[in-house]
Amino acid sequence: MDTKNKVKEVLANLLKVKIEELKDASTLIDSIGVDSTEMVESVIALEKSFGVKLSPKEITKNCTINDIVSNIDQKLTK
């Protein structure tokens, strides 16, 4: 499974939304309505799933799914 699909799967399961609702250009806050607690939970879930350390600044309210995937891919290639 590629990074983008895995990110969408993790977020869909955590946020109780359908994967189809997670568009590449979706922002977690504006498009999906994630609150601050869910944002922290999202960071933790993605860290566990990918085995990388993410700072909250890397997954901010303005980040899109594509931005999150890019951040994770950069960490995986280091």
N, C-alpha and C. Protein backbone atom coordinates (compact mmCIF):
# COMPACT_ATOMS: atom_id res chain seq x y z
N MET A 1 0.85 -1.18 0.00
CA MET A 1 0.00 0.00 0.00
C MET A 1 0.89 1.24 0.00
N ASP A 2 0.56 2.20 -0.84
CA ASP A 2 1.38 3.40 -0.89
C ASP A 2 1.05 4.34 0.28
N THR A 3 1.90 5.33 0.47
CA THR A 3 1.78 6.23 1.61
C THR A 3 0.43 6.94 1.63
N LYS A 4 0.01 7.46 0.49
CA LYS A 4 -1.24 8.23 0.45
C LYS A 4 -2.43 7.38 0.88
N ASN A 5 -2.52 6.18 0.35
CA ASN A 5 -3.65 5.31 0.72
C ASN A 5 -3.60 4.93 2.19
N LYS A 6 -2.39 4.69 2.71
CA LYS A 6 -2.27 4.33 4.12
C LYS A 6 -2.64 5.52 5.01
N VAL A 7 -2.22 6.73 4.65
CA VAL A 7 -2.59 7.93 5.41
C VAL A 7 -4.11 8.07 5.43
N LYS A 8 -4.73 7.93 4.28
CA LYS A 8 -6.19 8.05 4.20
C LYS A 8 -6.88 6.98 5.03
N GLU A 9 -6.36 5.76 4.98
CA GLU A 9 -6.94 4.67 5.75
C GLU A 9 -6.85 4.94 7.26
N VAL A 10 -5.68 5.37 7.71
CA VAL A 10 -5.48 5.68 9.13
C VAL A 10 -6.42 6.79 9.58
N LEU A 11 -6.47 7.86 8.80
CA LEU A 11 -7.32 9.00 9.16
C LEU A 11 -8.81 8.65 9.09
N ALA A 12 -9.21 7.89 8.09
CA ALA A 12 -10.61 7.49 7.96
C ALA A 12 -11.05 6.66 9.16
N ASN A 13 -10.21 5.71 9.56
CA ASN A 13 -10.54 4.88 10.72
C ASN A 13 -10.60 5.71 12.00
N LEU A 14 -9.66 6.59 12.18
CA LEU A 14 -9.59 7.41 13.39
C LEU A 14 -10.75 8.40 13.46
N LEU A 15 -11.04 9.04 12.35
CA LEU A 15 -12.02 10.13 12.34
C LEU A 15 -13.43 9.66 12.00
N LYS A 16 -13.57 8.37 11.77
CA LYS A 16 -14.88 7.77 11.46
C LYS A 16 -15.52 8.42 10.24
N VAL A 17 -14.73 8.54 9.18
CA VAL A 17 -15.23 9.04 7.90
C VAL A 17 -14.89 8.02 6.82
N LYS A 18 -15.54 8.15 5.68
CA LYS A 18 -15.25 7.27 4.56
C LYS A 18 -13.98 7.76 3.86
N ILE A 19 -13.18 6.82 3.38
CA ILE A 19 -11.95 7.17 2.68
C ILE A 19 -12.25 8.11 1.51
N GLU A 20 -13.38 7.92 0.86
CA GLU A 20 -13.75 8.75 -0.28
C GLU A 20 -13.90 10.23 0.12
N GLU A 21 -14.20 10.50 1.38
CA GLU A 21 -14.35 11.88 1.86
C GLU A 21 -13.00 12.58 2.00
N LEU A 22 -11.93 11.82 2.03
CA LEU A 22 -10.59 12.38 2.21
C LEU A 22 -9.95 12.64 0.84
N LYS A 23 -10.24 13.79 0.31
CA LYS A 23 -9.67 14.19 -0.98
C LYS A 23 -8.23 14.62 -0.79
N ASP A 24 -7.43 14.52 -1.83
CA ASP A 24 -6.01 14.87 -1.75
C ASP A 24 -5.79 16.30 -1.28
N ALA A 25 -6.67 17.20 -1.67
CA ALA A 25 -6.54 18.61 -1.30
C ALA A 25 -7.34 18.97 -0.05
N SER A 26 -7.93 17.97 0.62
CA SER A 26 -8.69 18.22 1.84
C SER A 26 -7.77 18.66 2.97
N THR A 27 -8.21 19.68 3.70
CA THR A 27 -7.50 20.04 4.93
C THR A 27 -8.26 19.40 6.08
N LEU A 28 -7.54 19.00 7.10
CA LEU A 28 -8.18 18.28 8.20
C LEU A 28 -9.21 19.13 8.93
N ILE A 29 -8.91 20.40 9.15
CA ILE A 29 -9.83 21.25 9.91
C ILE A 29 -10.98 21.73 9.04
N ASP A 30 -10.68 22.37 7.94
CA ASP A 30 -11.72 23.00 7.13
C ASP A 30 -12.58 21.99 6.37
N SER A 31 -11.98 21.00 5.78
CA SER A 31 -12.73 20.06 4.96
C SER A 31 -13.39 18.95 5.77
N ILE A 32 -12.73 18.52 6.82
CA ILE A 32 -13.22 17.36 7.56
C ILE A 32 -13.76 17.74 8.93
N GLY A 33 -13.39 18.90 9.45
CA GLY A 33 -13.90 19.36 10.73
C GLY A 33 -13.20 18.76 11.94
N VAL A 34 -11.92 18.47 11.80
CA VAL A 34 -11.13 17.90 12.90
C VAL A 34 -10.91 18.96 13.97
N ASP A 35 -11.11 18.57 15.23
CA ASP A 35 -10.84 19.50 16.32
C ASP A 35 -9.42 19.27 16.84
N SER A 36 -9.01 20.06 17.83
CA SER A 36 -7.62 19.99 18.30
C SER A 36 -7.27 18.63 18.90
N THR A 37 -8.20 18.02 19.60
CA THR A 37 -7.94 16.70 20.18
C THR A 37 -7.76 15.66 19.07
N GLU A 38 -8.62 15.71 18.07
CA GLU A 38 -8.50 14.77 16.95
C GLU A 38 -7.22 15.01 16.16
N MET A 39 -6.77 16.26 16.13
CA MET A 39 -5.51 16.58 15.44
C MET A 39 -4.35 15.86 16.13
N VAL A 40 -4.31 15.94 17.46
CA VAL A 40 -3.26 15.27 18.23
C VAL A 40 -3.36 13.76 18.02
N GLU A 41 -4.56 13.23 18.09
CA GLU A 41 -4.76 11.79 17.88
C GLU A 41 -4.31 11.38 16.48
N SER A 42 -4.55 12.24 15.49
CA SER A 42 -4.13 11.95 14.12
C SER A 42 -2.61 11.87 14.02
N VAL A 43 -1.93 12.81 14.66
CA VAL A 43 -0.46 12.80 14.65
C VAL A 43 0.05 11.50 15.27
N ILE A 44 -0.50 11.13 16.41
CA ILE A 44 -0.06 9.91 17.11
C ILE A 44 -0.33 8.67 16.25
N ALA A 45 -1.52 8.60 15.67
CA ALA A 45 -1.88 7.43 14.85
C ALA A 45 -0.97 7.31 13.62
N LEU A 46 -0.66 8.44 13.00
CA LEU A 46 0.23 8.40 11.82
C LEU A 46 1.65 8.04 12.23
N GLU A 47 2.11 8.55 13.37
CA GLU A 47 3.45 8.18 13.85
C GLU A 47 3.56 6.68 14.08
N LYS A 48 2.55 6.11 14.71
CA LYS A 48 2.56 4.67 14.99
C LYS A 48 2.49 3.86 13.71
N SER A 49 1.69 4.30 12.77
CA SER A 49 1.51 3.56 11.52
C SER A 49 2.74 3.56 10.64
N PHE A 50 3.46 4.68 10.64
CA PHE A 50 4.60 4.81 9.74
C PHE A 50 5.95 4.70 10.45
N GLY A 51 5.96 4.72 11.77
CA GLY A 51 7.22 4.62 12.50
C GLY A 51 8.10 5.85 12.34
N VAL A 52 7.47 7.01 12.20
CA VAL A 52 8.20 8.27 12.08
C VAL A 52 7.73 9.22 13.17
N LYS A 53 8.53 10.23 13.44
CA LYS A 53 8.17 11.27 14.40
C LYS A 53 7.68 12.49 13.64
N LEU A 54 6.47 12.92 13.95
CA LEU A 54 5.88 14.10 13.30
C LEU A 54 5.66 15.18 14.34
N SER A 55 6.01 16.40 13.99
CA SER A 55 5.71 17.49 14.91
C SER A 55 4.32 18.02 14.57
N PRO A 56 3.63 18.54 15.57
CA PRO A 56 2.30 19.11 15.29
C PRO A 56 2.34 20.18 14.21
N LYS A 57 3.46 20.88 14.07
CA LYS A 57 3.58 21.91 13.04
C LYS A 57 3.54 21.32 11.64
N GLU A 58 3.91 20.04 11.51
CA GLU A 58 3.91 19.39 10.20
C GLU A 58 2.51 18.98 9.77
N ILE A 59 1.62 18.90 10.72
CA ILE A 59 0.24 18.54 10.41
C ILE A 59 -0.65 19.59 11.06
N THR A 60 -0.67 20.75 10.46
CA THR A 60 -1.46 21.85 11.01
C THR A 60 -2.83 21.90 10.35
N LYS A 61 -3.62 22.83 10.83
CA LYS A 61 -4.98 22.94 10.31
C LYS A 61 -5.02 23.26 8.82
N ASN A 62 -3.95 23.83 8.28
CA ASN A 62 -3.93 24.19 6.87
C ASN A 62 -3.32 23.13 5.98
N CYS A 63 -2.82 22.06 6.56
CA CYS A 63 -2.20 20.99 5.78
C CYS A 63 -3.26 20.19 5.02
N THR A 64 -2.93 19.85 3.81
CA THR A 64 -3.80 18.96 3.03
C THR A 64 -3.32 17.52 3.21
N ILE A 65 -4.12 16.60 2.74
CA ILE A 65 -3.70 15.19 2.75
C ILE A 65 -2.38 15.05 1.99
N ASN A 66 -2.27 15.74 0.85
CA ASN A 66 -1.02 15.68 0.07
C ASN A 66 0.17 16.19 0.87
N ASP A 67 -0.02 17.26 1.67
CA ASP A 67 1.06 17.80 2.50
C ASP A 67 1.51 16.77 3.54
N ILE A 68 0.55 16.11 4.15
CA ILE A 68 0.86 15.10 5.17
C ILE A 68 1.64 13.95 4.53
N VAL A 69 1.18 13.49 3.38
CA VAL A 69 1.87 12.41 2.66
C VAL A 69 3.29 12.82 2.33
N SER A 70 3.47 14.03 1.85
CA SER A 70 4.80 14.53 1.50
C SER A 70 5.72 14.56 2.73
N ASN A 71 5.20 15.04 3.86
CA ASN A 71 6.00 15.08 5.09
C ASN A 71 6.43 13.68 5.52
N ILE A 72 5.51 12.73 5.45
CA ILE A 72 5.83 11.35 5.84
C ILE A 72 6.82 10.74 4.87
N ASP A 73 6.61 10.92 3.57
CA ASP A 73 7.53 10.38 2.57
C ASP A 73 8.95 10.91 2.77
N GLN A 74 9.08 12.20 3.09
CA GLN A 74 10.40 12.78 3.32
C GLN A 74 11.09 12.11 4.51
N LYS A 75 10.34 11.83 5.56
CA LYS A 75 10.91 11.19 6.74
C LYS A 75 11.27 9.72 6.47
N LEU A 76 10.48 9.07 5.65
CA LEU A 76 10.74 7.66 5.34
C LEU A 76 11.97 7.47 4.47
N THR A 77 12.35 8.49 3.70
CA THR A 77 13.50 8.36 2.81
C THR A 77 14.80 8.79 3.48
N LYS A 78 14.73 9.32 4.69
CA LYS A 78 15.95 9.74 5.41
C LYS A 78 16.65 8.58 6.02
